[in-house]
Amino acid sequence: MPDTNIARRASYRNMAEGTKEDYELVFEHFKTFERDLASRVLTTLAQLEHSYPGELVNRLVHSLQTATRAHRDGHDEEYVVAALLHDLGDLLSTMNHAEYAASIIKPYVRPNTYWMIRQHGLFQGYYYFHHFGLDRNARDQFRGHPAFQVCVDFCGKYDQEAFDPDYDTMPLAAFLPMVHRLFAREPWGAHAKEDGGYSERF
């Protein structure tokens, strides 16, 4: 008797020979897999505890503290989750961590939230670039962008402040429902049309 638990597979060995039925089958599996994205993101986030050392708090605590500060300042869940995940790229994309984190949340957040996370690495440089002979005001190239001040505030009020081992930081468990609600949104849904919408998706 055939094993009905084995997932059906497409028949193509190269994509050019794939049929509509093949791709419908693959996308069916893809959609099921996508629905559990929040769990995979949270598993990766927890691993930030084992990222590079050297500061008074580890990278997970820094992320939690950034989100805690944003939450206590009254920001909405989208912003808070973005704050929580802003350094997710430290593990696998250390040289362009901001772009990595931003790309993960992009289909689920407003364009200005995406842009804030995408640019926070550069904007955060205001606090230390000058120690290495770099231009701490490099962020000024983006003056006039509608999310410029949003990113300045994110870095100034939350990101650069979140290295305090004595701060009453909320635990990861407190953010789990927020993360699951964010990634339960329809990808590229109504939120993606706010702030003028995305000019491109990829």
N, C-alpha and C. Protein backbone atom coordinates (compact mmCIF):
# COMPACT_ATOMS: atom_id res chain seq x y z
N MET A 1 0.86 -1.20 0.00
CA MET A 1 0.00 0.00 0.00
C MET A 1 0.89 1.25 0.00
N PRO A 2 0.63 2.20 -0.90
CA PRO A 2 1.49 3.38 -0.99
C PRO A 2 1.43 4.24 0.28
N ASP A 3 2.56 4.87 0.59
CA ASP A 3 2.65 5.74 1.77
C ASP A 3 2.07 7.11 1.40
N THR A 4 0.90 7.41 1.96
CA THR A 4 0.23 8.67 1.62
C THR A 4 0.85 9.87 2.33
N ASN A 5 1.82 9.61 3.23
CA ASN A 5 2.48 10.72 3.93
C ASN A 5 3.61 11.33 3.10
N ILE A 6 4.00 10.64 2.02
CA ILE A 6 5.06 11.18 1.16
C ILE A 6 4.49 12.32 0.33
N ALA A 7 5.13 13.48 0.43
CA ALA A 7 4.64 14.66 -0.29
C ALA A 7 4.78 14.44 -1.80
N ARG A 8 3.74 14.80 -2.52
CA ARG A 8 3.80 14.72 -3.98
C ARG A 8 4.85 15.69 -4.50
N ARG A 9 5.50 15.31 -5.58
CA ARG A 9 6.55 16.13 -6.15
C ARG A 9 6.24 16.48 -7.59
N ALA A 10 6.81 17.60 -8.02
CA ALA A 10 6.71 17.97 -9.43
C ALA A 10 7.54 16.99 -10.25
N SER A 11 7.26 16.94 -11.56
CA SER A 11 7.92 15.95 -12.41
C SER A 11 9.14 16.49 -13.13
N TYR A 12 9.35 17.79 -13.14
CA TYR A 12 10.42 18.34 -13.98
C TYR A 12 11.81 18.14 -13.38
N ARG A 13 12.77 17.95 -14.30
CA ARG A 13 14.19 17.87 -13.94
C ARG A 13 14.90 19.19 -14.25
N ASN A 14 14.27 20.01 -15.05
CA ASN A 14 14.71 21.39 -15.24
C ASN A 14 13.45 22.24 -15.37
N MET A 15 13.52 23.48 -14.99
CA MET A 15 12.31 24.30 -14.87
C MET A 15 11.63 24.55 -16.21
N ALA A 16 12.40 24.53 -17.29
CA ALA A 16 11.82 24.80 -18.60
C ALA A 16 10.78 23.76 -18.99
N GLU A 17 10.89 22.55 -18.46
CA GLU A 17 9.93 21.52 -18.82
C GLU A 17 8.78 21.39 -17.81
N GLY A 18 8.75 22.26 -16.80
CA GLY A 18 7.68 22.22 -15.81
C GLY A 18 6.34 22.63 -16.39
N THR A 19 5.27 22.00 -15.91
CA THR A 19 3.91 22.31 -16.36
C THR A 19 3.23 23.21 -15.33
N LYS A 20 2.08 23.74 -15.72
CA LYS A 20 1.29 24.54 -14.80
C LYS A 20 0.92 23.71 -13.57
N GLU A 21 0.57 22.46 -13.78
CA GLU A 21 0.22 21.58 -12.68
C GLU A 21 1.42 21.37 -11.75
N ASP A 22 2.60 21.23 -12.33
CA ASP A 22 3.82 21.09 -11.52
C ASP A 22 3.98 22.30 -10.60
N TYR A 23 3.88 23.48 -11.18
CA TYR A 23 4.13 24.69 -10.40
C TYR A 23 3.03 24.96 -9.38
N GLU A 24 1.81 24.59 -9.70
CA GLU A 24 0.73 24.72 -8.71
C GLU A 24 1.01 23.82 -7.52
N LEU A 25 1.52 22.61 -7.77
CA LEU A 25 1.87 21.69 -6.69
C LEU A 25 2.99 22.26 -5.82
N VAL A 26 4.03 22.77 -6.48
CA VAL A 26 5.17 23.33 -5.74
C VAL A 26 4.73 24.54 -4.91
N PHE A 27 3.91 25.41 -5.49
CA PHE A 27 3.46 26.59 -4.76
C PHE A 27 2.56 26.22 -3.58
N GLU A 28 1.84 25.12 -3.71
CA GLU A 28 1.02 24.64 -2.59
C GLU A 28 1.92 24.28 -1.41
N HIS A 29 2.99 23.57 -1.69
CA HIS A 29 3.96 23.25 -0.63
C HIS A 29 4.63 24.51 -0.10
N PHE A 30 4.95 25.43 -1.00
CA PHE A 30 5.61 26.68 -0.62
C PHE A 30 4.75 27.48 0.35
N LYS A 31 3.46 27.58 0.05
CA LYS A 31 2.56 28.36 0.92
C LYS A 31 2.46 27.74 2.31
N THR A 32 2.41 26.41 2.38
CA THR A 32 2.38 25.74 3.69
C THR A 32 3.66 26.03 4.46
N PHE A 33 4.78 25.96 3.78
CA PHE A 33 6.07 26.23 4.40
C PHE A 33 6.16 27.68 4.86
N GLU A 34 5.69 28.60 4.06
CA GLU A 34 5.77 30.03 4.37
C GLU A 34 4.99 30.37 5.63
N ARG A 35 3.90 29.65 5.87
CA ARG A 35 3.06 29.96 7.03
C ARG A 35 3.77 29.72 8.36
N ASP A 36 4.86 28.98 8.34
CA ASP A 36 5.61 28.73 9.58
C ASP A 36 6.88 29.58 9.66
N LEU A 37 6.92 30.64 8.87
CA LEU A 37 8.11 31.50 8.84
C LEU A 37 8.41 32.09 10.21
N ALA A 38 7.40 32.49 10.96
CA ALA A 38 7.63 33.10 12.27
C ALA A 38 8.44 32.18 13.17
N SER A 39 8.14 30.90 13.17
CA SER A 39 8.86 29.96 14.02
C SER A 39 10.33 29.86 13.62
N ARG A 40 10.59 29.85 12.32
CA ARG A 40 11.98 29.77 11.86
C ARG A 40 12.75 31.04 12.19
N VAL A 41 12.08 32.17 12.05
CA VAL A 41 12.73 33.45 12.38
C VAL A 41 13.06 33.50 13.87
N LEU A 42 12.14 33.05 14.71
CA LEU A 42 12.37 33.08 16.15
C LEU A 42 13.48 32.12 16.57
N THR A 43 13.57 30.98 15.91
CA THR A 43 14.66 30.04 16.19
C THR A 43 16.00 30.69 15.87
N THR A 44 16.06 31.38 14.74
CA THR A 44 17.30 32.07 14.36
C THR A 44 17.60 33.21 15.31
N LEU A 45 16.58 33.96 15.69
CA LEU A 45 16.78 35.07 16.62
C LEU A 45 17.40 34.60 17.93
N ALA A 46 16.91 33.49 18.46
CA ALA A 46 17.42 32.97 19.72
C ALA A 46 18.90 32.64 19.63
N GLN A 47 19.38 32.30 18.43
CA GLN A 47 20.78 31.96 18.25
C GLN A 47 21.70 33.17 18.34
N LEU A 48 21.13 34.38 18.31
CA LEU A 48 21.96 35.58 18.46
C LEU A 48 22.68 35.61 19.80
N GLU A 49 22.19 34.83 20.74
CA GLU A 49 22.88 34.72 22.03
C GLU A 49 24.31 34.24 21.84
N HIS A 50 24.56 33.53 20.73
CA HIS A 50 25.87 32.95 20.47
C HIS A 50 26.61 33.69 19.36
N SER A 51 26.18 34.91 19.05
CA SER A 51 26.88 35.73 18.06
C SER A 51 28.14 36.29 18.69
N TYR A 52 28.80 37.20 18.00
CA TYR A 52 30.11 37.67 18.46
C TYR A 52 30.01 38.37 19.82
N PRO A 53 31.05 38.22 20.66
CA PRO A 53 31.07 38.84 21.99
C PRO A 53 31.71 40.23 21.94
N GLY A 54 31.92 40.81 23.12
CA GLY A 54 32.69 42.05 23.23
C GLY A 54 31.93 43.21 23.84
N GLU A 55 30.61 43.13 23.91
CA GLU A 55 29.82 44.21 24.50
C GLU A 55 29.25 43.75 25.84
N LEU A 56 28.64 44.66 26.56
CA LEU A 56 28.14 44.33 27.90
C LEU A 56 26.92 43.42 27.87
N VAL A 57 26.25 43.35 26.73
CA VAL A 57 25.14 42.42 26.54
C VAL A 57 25.38 41.66 25.24
N ASN A 58 24.84 40.45 25.14
CA ASN A 58 24.99 39.72 23.89
C ASN A 58 24.00 40.24 22.85
N ARG A 59 24.10 39.75 21.63
CA ARG A 59 23.30 40.30 20.53
C ARG A 59 21.80 40.00 20.70
N LEU A 60 21.47 38.91 21.35
CA LEU A 60 20.06 38.63 21.62
C LEU A 60 19.51 39.64 22.61
N VAL A 61 20.21 39.87 23.70
CA VAL A 61 19.75 40.84 24.69
C VAL A 61 19.66 42.23 24.06
N HIS A 62 20.63 42.57 23.22
CA HIS A 62 20.57 43.86 22.52
C HIS A 62 19.30 43.97 21.70
N SER A 63 18.95 42.91 20.99
CA SER A 63 17.74 42.92 20.15
C SER A 63 16.49 43.03 21.01
N LEU A 64 16.44 42.25 22.08
CA LEU A 64 15.30 42.30 23.00
C LEU A 64 15.17 43.69 23.63
N GLN A 65 16.29 44.27 23.99
CA GLN A 65 16.26 45.58 24.64
C GLN A 65 15.83 46.67 23.67
N THR A 66 16.27 46.57 22.42
CA THR A 66 15.84 47.53 21.40
C THR A 66 14.32 47.47 21.24
N ALA A 67 13.78 46.26 21.15
CA ALA A 67 12.34 46.09 21.00
C ALA A 67 11.59 46.53 22.25
N THR A 68 12.14 46.23 23.42
CA THR A 68 11.50 46.63 24.67
C THR A 68 11.37 48.14 24.75
N ARG A 69 12.43 48.84 24.42
CA ARG A 69 12.41 50.30 24.47
C ARG A 69 11.38 50.87 23.48
N ALA A 70 11.33 50.30 22.29
CA ALA A 70 10.35 50.76 21.30
C ALA A 70 8.93 50.47 21.77
N HIS A 71 8.72 49.29 22.34
CA HIS A 71 7.40 48.91 22.85
C HIS A 71 6.95 49.85 23.96
N ARG A 72 7.83 50.12 24.90
CA ARG A 72 7.48 50.99 26.03
C ARG A 72 7.30 52.44 25.61
N ASP A 73 7.80 52.77 24.44
CA ASP A 73 7.63 54.12 23.92
C ASP A 73 6.34 54.26 23.11
N GLY A 74 5.57 53.17 23.02
CA GLY A 74 4.25 53.25 22.40
C GLY A 74 4.17 52.93 20.93
N HIS A 75 5.21 52.37 20.35
CA HIS A 75 5.16 52.04 18.92
C HIS A 75 4.27 50.82 18.67
N ASP A 76 3.77 50.73 17.44
CA ASP A 76 2.89 49.62 17.10
C ASP A 76 3.69 48.32 16.95
N GLU A 77 2.95 47.21 16.83
CA GLU A 77 3.60 45.89 16.80
C GLU A 77 4.54 45.74 15.62
N GLU A 78 4.18 46.28 14.48
CA GLU A 78 5.06 46.16 13.32
C GLU A 78 6.43 46.76 13.62
N TYR A 79 6.44 47.94 14.17
CA TYR A 79 7.69 48.63 14.51
C TYR A 79 8.46 47.84 15.56
N VAL A 80 7.77 47.35 16.57
CA VAL A 80 8.42 46.62 17.66
C VAL A 80 9.05 45.33 17.14
N VAL A 81 8.35 44.60 16.29
CA VAL A 81 8.91 43.37 15.73
C VAL A 81 10.11 43.70 14.84
N ALA A 82 10.00 44.76 14.06
CA ALA A 82 11.15 45.18 13.25
C ALA A 82 12.35 45.49 14.13
N ALA A 83 12.10 46.17 15.25
CA ALA A 83 13.17 46.47 16.20
C ALA A 83 13.77 45.19 16.77
N LEU A 84 12.93 44.22 17.05
CA LEU A 84 13.39 42.94 17.59
C LEU A 84 14.29 42.21 16.60
N LEU A 85 13.97 42.29 15.33
CA LEU A 85 14.66 41.50 14.31
C LEU A 85 15.75 42.27 13.57
N HIS A 86 16.00 43.51 13.96
CA HIS A 86 16.85 44.37 13.15
C HIS A 86 18.27 43.85 12.97
N ASP A 87 18.79 43.07 13.91
CA ASP A 87 20.15 42.53 13.80
C ASP A 87 20.17 41.03 13.52
N LEU A 88 19.09 40.51 13.00
CA LEU A 88 19.01 39.07 12.71
C LEU A 88 20.13 38.62 11.78
N GLY A 89 20.59 39.51 10.92
CA GLY A 89 21.63 39.16 9.96
C GLY A 89 23.01 38.98 10.55
N ASP A 90 23.20 39.29 11.83
CA ASP A 90 24.52 39.16 12.44
C ASP A 90 25.07 37.74 12.33
N LEU A 91 24.20 36.75 12.25
CA LEU A 91 24.66 35.36 12.21
C LEU A 91 25.15 34.94 10.82
N LEU A 92 24.39 35.24 9.80
CA LEU A 92 24.68 34.71 8.47
C LEU A 92 25.06 35.76 7.44
N SER A 93 24.95 37.02 7.80
CA SER A 93 25.22 38.09 6.85
C SER A 93 25.90 39.25 7.57
N THR A 94 27.02 38.95 8.18
CA THR A 94 27.64 39.90 9.10
C THR A 94 28.09 41.20 8.43
N MET A 95 28.40 41.14 7.15
CA MET A 95 28.89 42.34 6.47
C MET A 95 27.77 43.19 5.89
N ASN A 96 26.56 42.67 5.82
CA ASN A 96 25.42 43.48 5.36
C ASN A 96 24.16 43.04 6.12
N HIS A 97 24.29 43.05 7.45
CA HIS A 97 23.23 42.49 8.30
C HIS A 97 21.92 43.25 8.18
N ALA A 98 22.00 44.56 7.95
CA ALA A 98 20.77 45.34 7.88
C ALA A 98 19.93 44.95 6.67
N GLU A 99 20.60 44.76 5.54
CA GLU A 99 19.89 44.36 4.32
C GLU A 99 19.25 42.99 4.49
N TYR A 100 19.93 42.10 5.17
CA TYR A 100 19.43 40.74 5.41
C TYR A 100 18.13 40.78 6.22
N ALA A 101 18.17 41.48 7.35
CA ALA A 101 16.98 41.56 8.21
C ALA A 101 15.83 42.24 7.49
N ALA A 102 16.14 43.31 6.78
CA ALA A 102 15.10 44.05 6.07
C ALA A 102 14.42 43.20 5.00
N SER A 103 15.21 42.37 4.31
CA SER A 103 14.64 41.55 3.25
C SER A 103 13.66 40.52 3.79
N ILE A 104 13.89 40.04 5.02
CA ILE A 104 13.00 39.05 5.61
C ILE A 104 11.64 39.65 5.95
N ILE A 105 11.64 40.87 6.49
CA ILE A 105 10.37 41.47 6.90
C ILE A 105 9.67 42.23 5.78
N LYS A 106 10.33 42.49 4.69
CA LYS A 106 9.80 43.37 3.64
C LYS A 106 8.38 43.03 3.19
N PRO A 107 8.03 41.77 2.90
CA PRO A 107 6.68 41.50 2.41
C PRO A 107 5.58 41.71 3.45
N TYR A 108 5.97 41.90 4.72
CA TYR A 108 4.99 41.92 5.81
C TYR A 108 4.87 43.28 6.50
N VAL A 109 5.63 44.27 6.05
CA VAL A 109 5.65 45.56 6.75
C VAL A 109 5.47 46.71 5.77
N ARG A 110 5.19 47.88 6.33
CA ARG A 110 5.09 49.10 5.53
C ARG A 110 6.44 49.44 4.92
N PRO A 111 6.45 50.09 3.76
CA PRO A 111 7.72 50.45 3.12
C PRO A 111 8.66 51.26 4.01
N ASN A 112 8.13 52.18 4.81
CA ASN A 112 9.02 52.97 5.66
C ASN A 112 9.64 52.15 6.79
N THR A 113 8.92 51.14 7.26
CA THR A 113 9.50 50.24 8.27
C THR A 113 10.62 49.43 7.65
N TYR A 114 10.39 48.91 6.46
CA TYR A 114 11.44 48.19 5.74
C TYR A 114 12.66 49.08 5.54
N TRP A 115 12.43 50.31 5.10
CA TRP A 115 13.54 51.22 4.80
C TRP A 115 14.33 51.53 6.08
N MET A 116 13.64 51.71 7.18
CA MET A 116 14.30 51.98 8.46
C MET A 116 15.27 50.86 8.82
N ILE A 117 14.83 49.62 8.68
CA ILE A 117 15.70 48.49 9.01
C ILE A 117 16.79 48.34 7.96
N ARG A 118 16.46 48.54 6.71
CA ARG A 118 17.44 48.44 5.61
C ARG A 118 18.59 49.41 5.81
N GLN A 119 18.31 50.61 6.32
CA GLN A 119 19.33 51.66 6.42
C GLN A 119 19.91 51.81 7.82
N HIS A 120 19.45 51.06 8.79
CA HIS A 120 19.87 51.34 10.16
C HIS A 120 21.37 51.14 10.37
N GLY A 121 21.99 50.25 9.61
CA GLY A 121 23.43 50.05 9.75
C GLY A 121 24.21 51.31 9.43
N LEU A 122 23.83 51.98 8.36
CA LEU A 122 24.47 53.25 7.98
C LEU A 122 24.16 54.34 9.00
N PHE A 123 22.90 54.45 9.40
CA PHE A 123 22.49 55.50 10.33
C PHE A 123 23.13 55.29 11.71
N GLN A 124 23.31 54.04 12.10
CA GLN A 124 23.94 53.75 13.38
C GLN A 124 25.41 54.19 13.38
N GLY A 125 25.97 54.31 12.19
CA GLY A 125 27.34 54.75 12.07
C GLY A 125 27.59 56.15 12.61
N TYR A 126 26.54 56.92 12.76
CA TYR A 126 26.67 58.26 13.34
C TYR A 126 27.35 58.20 14.71
N TYR A 127 27.19 57.10 15.41
CA TYR A 127 27.69 56.99 16.77
C TYR A 127 29.12 56.45 16.86
N TYR A 128 29.67 55.94 15.74
CA TYR A 128 31.04 55.41 15.86
C TYR A 128 31.92 55.55 14.63
N PHE A 129 31.36 55.90 13.47
CA PHE A 129 32.17 55.97 12.25
C PHE A 129 33.40 56.87 12.43
N HIS A 130 33.23 57.99 13.12
CA HIS A 130 34.32 58.97 13.24
C HIS A 130 35.54 58.41 13.97
N HIS A 131 35.35 57.37 14.77
CA HIS A 131 36.48 56.76 15.47
C HIS A 131 37.39 56.00 14.51
N PHE A 132 36.91 55.74 13.30
CA PHE A 132 37.67 54.98 12.31
C PHE A 132 37.94 55.79 11.05
N GLY A 133 37.83 57.12 11.17
CA GLY A 133 38.11 57.98 10.04
C GLY A 133 37.03 57.99 8.97
N LEU A 134 35.85 57.54 9.32
CA LEU A 134 34.73 57.53 8.38
C LEU A 134 33.78 58.68 8.69
N ASP A 135 32.95 59.00 7.74
CA ASP A 135 32.03 60.12 7.86
C ASP A 135 30.80 59.71 8.67
N ARG A 136 30.70 60.22 9.90
CA ARG A 136 29.56 59.86 10.73
C ARG A 136 28.25 60.43 10.17
N ASN A 137 28.34 61.41 9.30
CA ASN A 137 27.15 62.02 8.70
C ASN A 137 26.83 61.44 7.32
N ALA A 138 27.34 60.26 7.04
CA ALA A 138 27.07 59.62 5.75
C ALA A 138 25.57 59.43 5.53
N ARG A 139 24.82 59.33 6.62
CA ARG A 139 23.37 59.18 6.51
C ARG A 139 22.71 60.37 5.81
N ASP A 140 23.40 61.52 5.80
CA ASP A 140 22.80 62.73 5.24
C ASP A 140 22.50 62.62 3.75
N GLN A 141 23.10 61.65 3.09
CA GLN A 141 22.80 61.44 1.66
C GLN A 141 21.32 61.11 1.46
N PHE A 142 20.66 60.67 2.53
CA PHE A 142 19.25 60.29 2.43
C PHE A 142 18.31 61.36 2.99
N ARG A 143 18.83 62.52 3.33
CA ARG A 143 17.95 63.60 3.78
C ARG A 143 16.90 63.88 2.70
N GLY A 144 15.68 64.04 3.13
CA GLY A 144 14.59 64.22 2.19
C GLY A 144 13.77 62.96 1.98
N HIS A 145 14.34 61.81 2.33
CA HIS A 145 13.56 60.58 2.25
C HIS A 145 12.49 60.63 3.34
N PRO A 146 11.27 60.18 3.03
CA PRO A 146 10.19 60.27 4.03
C PRO A 146 10.46 59.50 5.32
N ALA A 147 11.34 58.52 5.30
CA ALA A 147 11.63 57.76 6.51
C ALA A 147 12.98 58.14 7.13
N PHE A 148 13.57 59.22 6.65
CA PHE A 148 14.88 59.63 7.19
C PHE A 148 14.82 59.82 8.70
N GLN A 149 13.87 60.64 9.17
CA GLN A 149 13.80 60.92 10.60
C GLN A 149 13.36 59.68 11.38
N VAL A 150 12.56 58.84 10.76
CA VAL A 150 12.15 57.58 11.40
C VAL A 150 13.38 56.75 11.73
N CYS A 151 14.32 56.67 10.81
CA CYS A 151 15.53 55.88 11.01
C CYS A 151 16.46 56.57 12.01
N VAL A 152 16.57 57.90 11.93
CA VAL A 152 17.37 58.64 12.92
C VAL A 152 16.86 58.35 14.33
N ASP A 153 15.54 58.41 14.49
CA ASP A 153 14.95 58.19 15.82
C ASP A 153 15.12 56.74 16.27
N PHE A 154 14.96 55.79 15.36
CA PHE A 154 15.13 54.39 15.73
C PHE A 154 16.54 54.15 16.28
N CYS A 155 17.53 54.67 15.59
CA CYS A 155 18.91 54.48 16.05
C CYS A 155 19.19 55.26 17.33
N GLY A 156 18.72 56.50 17.38
CA GLY A 156 19.04 57.35 18.52
C GLY A 156 18.33 56.96 19.80
N LYS A 157 17.06 56.59 19.69
CA LYS A 157 16.26 56.31 20.88
C LYS A 157 16.33 54.86 21.34
N TYR A 158 16.55 53.95 20.40
CA TYR A 158 16.42 52.53 20.74
C TYR A 158 17.68 51.72 20.46
N ASP A 159 18.15 51.71 19.22
CA ASP A 159 19.25 50.83 18.84
C ASP A 159 20.54 51.15 19.59
N GLN A 160 20.98 52.39 19.54
CA GLN A 160 22.25 52.72 20.18
C GLN A 160 22.17 52.78 21.71
N GLU A 161 20.96 52.79 22.23
CA GLU A 161 20.76 52.81 23.68
C GLU A 161 20.73 51.41 24.30
N ALA A 162 20.64 50.39 23.46
CA ALA A 162 20.28 49.04 23.94
C ALA A 162 21.48 48.15 24.25
N PHE A 163 22.38 48.66 25.08
CA PHE A 163 23.55 47.88 25.48
C PHE A 163 23.73 47.91 27.00
N ASP A 164 22.64 48.09 27.71
CA ASP A 164 22.68 48.31 29.15
C ASP A 164 22.31 47.03 29.90
N PRO A 165 23.27 46.39 30.56
CA PRO A 165 22.96 45.14 31.27
C PRO A 165 22.04 45.32 32.47
N ASP A 166 21.84 46.56 32.91
CA ASP A 166 20.97 46.82 34.06
C ASP A 166 19.55 47.21 33.66
N TYR A 167 19.30 47.31 32.36
CA TYR A 167 17.97 47.69 31.89
C TYR A 167 16.99 46.52 32.07
N ASP A 168 15.76 46.84 32.44
CA ASP A 168 14.72 45.83 32.64
C ASP A 168 14.17 45.37 31.29
N THR A 169 14.89 44.47 30.66
CA THR A 169 14.57 44.02 29.31
C THR A 169 13.50 42.94 29.32
N MET A 170 12.51 43.08 28.45
CA MET A 170 11.46 42.08 28.35
C MET A 170 12.01 40.78 27.77
N PRO A 171 11.49 39.62 28.20
CA PRO A 171 11.98 38.34 27.67
C PRO A 171 11.45 38.07 26.26
N LEU A 172 12.11 37.18 25.58
CA LEU A 172 11.68 36.82 24.22
C LEU A 172 10.23 36.36 24.19
N ALA A 173 9.80 35.63 25.21
CA ALA A 173 8.43 35.11 25.25
C ALA A 173 7.39 36.21 25.12
N ALA A 174 7.70 37.39 25.61
CA ALA A 174 6.74 38.49 25.55
C ALA A 174 6.47 38.95 24.11
N PHE A 175 7.42 38.68 23.23
CA PHE A 175 7.30 39.15 21.85
C PHE A 175 6.78 38.08 20.89
N LEU A 176 6.70 36.84 21.36
CA LEU A 176 6.30 35.75 20.46
C LEU A 176 4.97 35.99 19.75
N PRO A 177 3.91 36.40 20.47
CA PRO A 177 2.64 36.63 19.77
C PRO A 177 2.74 37.73 18.71
N MET A 178 3.52 38.76 18.99
CA MET A 178 3.68 39.85 18.03
C MET A 178 4.34 39.35 16.75
N VAL A 179 5.39 38.54 16.91
CA VAL A 179 6.10 38.02 15.74
C VAL A 179 5.18 37.12 14.92
N HIS A 180 4.42 36.27 15.58
CA HIS A 180 3.51 35.38 14.85
C HIS A 180 2.41 36.18 14.14
N ARG A 181 1.92 37.24 14.77
CA ARG A 181 0.89 38.04 14.10
C ARG A 181 1.46 38.77 12.88
N LEU A 182 2.68 39.25 12.98
CA LEU A 182 3.26 39.96 11.84
C LEU A 182 3.40 39.03 10.65
N PHE A 183 3.96 37.84 10.87
CA PHE A 183 4.21 36.94 9.76
C PHE A 183 2.96 36.17 9.33
N ALA A 184 1.85 36.38 10.04
CA ALA A 184 0.57 35.83 9.59
C ALA A 184 -0.12 36.77 8.61
N ARG A 185 0.42 37.96 8.43
CA ARG A 185 -0.16 38.89 7.45
C ARG A 185 -0.03 38.31 6.04
N GLU A 186 -0.91 38.78 5.17
CA GLU A 186 -0.80 38.40 3.76
C GLU A 186 0.46 39.04 3.19
N PRO A 187 1.40 38.26 2.67
CA PRO A 187 2.59 38.88 2.07
C PRO A 187 2.20 39.85 0.96
N TRP A 188 2.80 41.02 0.97
CA TRP A 188 2.53 42.08 0.01
C TRP A 188 1.07 42.53 0.08
N GLY A 189 0.48 42.44 1.28
CA GLY A 189 -0.92 42.82 1.47
C GLY A 189 -1.11 44.32 1.60
N ALA A 190 -2.18 44.72 2.28
CA ALA A 190 -2.56 46.13 2.37
C ALA A 190 -1.44 46.99 2.97
N HIS A 191 -0.72 46.44 3.95
CA HIS A 191 0.37 47.19 4.58
C HIS A 191 1.42 47.62 3.57
N ALA A 192 1.66 46.79 2.55
CA ALA A 192 2.69 47.08 1.55
C ALA A 192 2.31 48.25 0.65
N LYS A 193 1.04 48.63 0.67
CA LYS A 193 0.57 49.72 -0.17
C LYS A 193 0.61 51.06 0.57
N GLU A 194 0.93 51.04 1.87
CA GLU A 194 1.03 52.27 2.64
C GLU A 194 2.36 52.98 2.33
N ASP A 195 2.50 54.19 2.85
CA ASP A 195 3.73 54.98 2.67
C ASP A 195 4.08 55.15 1.18
N GLY A 196 3.09 55.12 0.31
CA GLY A 196 3.35 55.23 -1.11
C GLY A 196 3.61 53.91 -1.81
N GLY A 197 3.66 52.81 -1.04
CA GLY A 197 3.85 51.49 -1.64
C GLY A 197 5.29 51.21 -2.03
N TYR A 198 5.55 49.96 -2.37
CA TYR A 198 6.88 49.56 -2.83
C TYR A 198 7.02 49.81 -4.33
N SER A 199 8.14 50.35 -4.73
CA SER A 199 8.38 50.53 -6.16
C SER A 199 8.83 49.22 -6.80
N GLU A 200 9.35 48.31 -5.99
CA GLU A 200 9.76 46.99 -6.47
C GLU A 200 9.70 46.02 -5.29
N ARG A 201 9.57 44.75 -5.60
CA ARG A 201 9.46 43.73 -4.55
C ARG A 201 10.78 43.00 -4.32
N PHE A 202 11.55 42.84 -5.36
CA PHE A 202 12.73 41.98 -5.26
C PHE A 202 14.01 42.79 -5.36
